[in-house]
Amino acid sequence: MPGVEDTQFQHPSEREFARLLDFYGIRWEYEPRTFPLEYNADGSIRTAFSPDFYLPEQDVYVELTTQSARLNNLKNRKIRKLQELNPDIQIKLLNRRDLRQMALKYDFPDPSDVNDADGHPRDYA
């Protein structure tokens, strides 16, 4: 399984989160699965969602967002749709405030310090 240094993360906050998981010996997979959410009339996928992490021992997906709360609507809609279509899937959204609190508690870089103005590249997809 690839480690932190072997993984191409989409955002620096994901790398820091993976380092925290490694430090505590929590196995993780980065974007291991894409869930189709909506289809076009021809059956092709119109909208899909790939949670950032899967923690196999906990059987939970984790999605990180460093956007401000008012910009999280799209991500929240995708998570609600994922849960509606797959009620057995457990997913946790960690927002900017959650990540900041973790950074303080576990002494790792604050994601807001590494966040760029546009947020995560897929936050608007």
Protein backbone atom coordinates (compact mmCIF):
# COMPACT_ATOMS: atom_id res chain seq x y z
CA MET A 1 0.00 0.00 0.00
CA PRO A 2 1.44 3.41 -0.97
CA GLY A 3 2.58 5.65 1.85
CA VAL A 4 2.47 9.42 2.26
CA GLU A 5 5.56 10.02 0.14
CA ASP A 6 4.32 7.71 -2.64
CA THR A 7 0.87 9.31 -2.92
CA GLN A 8 -0.04 12.29 -5.07
CA PHE A 9 -2.49 14.23 -2.95
CA GLN A 10 -4.77 16.84 -4.48
CA HIS A 11 -4.33 19.24 -1.57
CA PRO A 12 -1.64 19.78 1.10
CA SER A 13 -4.17 19.28 3.92
CA GLU A 14 -4.68 15.70 2.70
CA ARG A 15 -0.96 14.98 3.04
CA GLU A 16 -0.95 16.34 6.59
CA PHE A 17 -4.00 14.27 7.48
CA ALA A 18 -2.33 11.13 6.07
CA ARG A 19 0.77 11.87 8.16
CA LEU A 20 -1.40 12.14 11.25
CA LEU A 21 -3.05 8.80 10.45
CA ASP A 22 0.38 7.21 9.91
CA PHE A 23 1.64 8.60 13.21
CA TYR A 24 -1.21 6.87 15.03
CA GLY A 25 -0.89 3.65 13.04
CA ILE A 26 -4.26 4.02 11.33
CA ARG A 27 -4.35 2.30 7.94
CA TRP A 28 -5.72 4.47 5.13
CA GLU A 29 -6.35 4.40 1.43
CA TYR A 30 -6.40 7.56 -0.64
CA GLU A 31 -9.39 8.03 -2.96
CA PRO A 32 -9.85 4.27 -3.44
CA ARG A 33 -13.38 4.42 -4.81
CA THR A 34 -15.56 6.69 -6.91
CA PHE A 35 -19.30 6.59 -6.31
CA PRO A 36 -21.59 7.52 -9.23
CA LEU A 37 -24.27 9.91 -8.01
CA GLU A 38 -26.16 10.92 -11.16
CA TYR A 39 -26.40 9.53 -14.67
CA ASN A 40 -27.10 11.07 -18.06
CA ALA A 41 -29.94 9.75 -20.24
CA ASP A 42 -27.44 7.58 -22.14
CA GLY A 43 -26.31 5.89 -18.91
CA SER A 44 -22.97 7.68 -18.63
CA ILE A 45 -22.00 9.15 -15.29
CA ARG A 46 -22.90 12.82 -14.92
CA THR A 47 -21.83 13.34 -11.29
CA ALA A 48 -19.56 11.24 -9.10
CA PHE A 49 -17.89 11.56 -5.73
CA SER A 50 -14.51 10.21 -4.58
CA PRO A 51 -14.06 10.61 -0.82
CA ASP A 52 -10.51 11.57 0.11
CA PHE A 53 -9.76 8.67 2.45
CA TYR A 54 -11.02 5.24 3.38
CA LEU A 55 -10.08 3.83 6.78
CA PRO A 56 -10.53 0.06 6.29
CA GLU A 57 -10.26 -0.96 9.96
CA GLN A 58 -13.03 1.50 10.86
CA ASP A 59 -14.95 0.96 7.59
CA VAL A 60 -15.43 4.70 7.21
CA TYR A 61 -14.72 7.21 4.46
CA VAL A 62 -13.35 10.65 5.32
CA GLU A 63 -13.75 13.76 3.22
CA LEU A 64 -11.71 16.86 4.04
CA THR A 65 -12.65 20.39 3.17
CA THR A 66 -10.67 23.52 3.89
CA GLN A 67 -13.22 25.81 2.27
CA SER A 68 -15.10 28.34 4.32
CA ALA A 69 -18.41 27.02 5.65
CA ARG A 70 -20.49 29.04 3.21
CA LEU A 71 -18.78 27.37 0.23
CA ASN A 72 -19.43 23.80 1.38
CA ASN A 73 -22.92 23.40 -0.12
CA LEU A 74 -21.82 21.34 -3.13
CA LYS A 75 -19.74 18.96 -1.04
CA ASN A 76 -22.53 18.53 1.50
CA ARG A 77 -25.01 17.79 -1.30
CA LYS A 78 -22.71 15.12 -2.72
CA ILE A 79 -22.31 13.49 0.69
CA ARG A 80 -26.09 13.49 1.27
CA LYS A 81 -26.65 11.97 -2.18
CA LEU A 82 -23.97 9.32 -1.53
CA GLN A 83 -25.67 8.35 1.74
CA GLU A 84 -29.09 8.35 0.11
CA LEU A 85 -27.90 5.95 -2.61
CA ASN A 86 -25.65 3.90 -0.30
CA PRO A 87 -27.11 3.94 3.22
CA ASP A 88 -24.56 1.36 4.37
CA ILE A 89 -21.63 3.68 3.59
CA GLN A 90 -20.25 5.59 6.56
CA ILE A 91 -18.66 8.93 5.73
CA LYS A 92 -17.36 11.74 7.90
CA LEU A 93 -16.81 15.27 6.63
CA LEU A 94 -13.99 17.11 8.38
CA ASN A 95 -14.25 20.84 7.72
CA ARG A 96 -11.79 23.66 8.19
CA ARG A 97 -12.67 24.09 11.88
CA ASP A 98 -12.31 20.33 12.55
CA LEU A 99 -8.93 20.28 10.82
CA ARG A 100 -7.75 23.35 12.74
CA GLN A 101 -8.72 21.74 16.04
CA MET A 102 -6.88 18.56 15.07
CA ALA A 103 -3.83 20.60 14.04
CA LEU A 104 -3.73 22.25 17.45
CA LYS A 105 -4.38 19.05 19.38
CA TYR A 106 -1.92 16.87 17.46
CA ASP A 107 0.62 19.55 16.55
CA PHE A 108 0.54 19.26 12.78
CA PRO A 109 0.36 22.12 10.26
CA ASP A 110 -2.92 24.03 10.17
CA PRO A 111 -4.57 23.32 6.80
CA SER A 112 -5.64 26.95 6.55
CA ASP A 113 -1.95 27.85 6.33
CA VAL A 114 -1.53 25.65 3.26
CA ASN A 115 -4.91 26.38 1.69
CA ASP A 116 -4.92 28.37 -1.50
CA ALA A 117 -7.62 30.88 -2.39
CA ASP A 118 -9.48 28.44 -4.61
CA GLY A 119 -9.65 25.56 -2.13
CA HIS A 120 -9.44 21.96 -3.27
CA PRO A 121 -9.33 21.55 -7.08
CA ARG A 122 -12.46 19.39 -7.10
CA ASP A 123 -14.50 21.42 -4.59
CA TYR A 124 -16.46 22.99 -7.41
CA ALA A 125 -16.81 19.96 -9.68
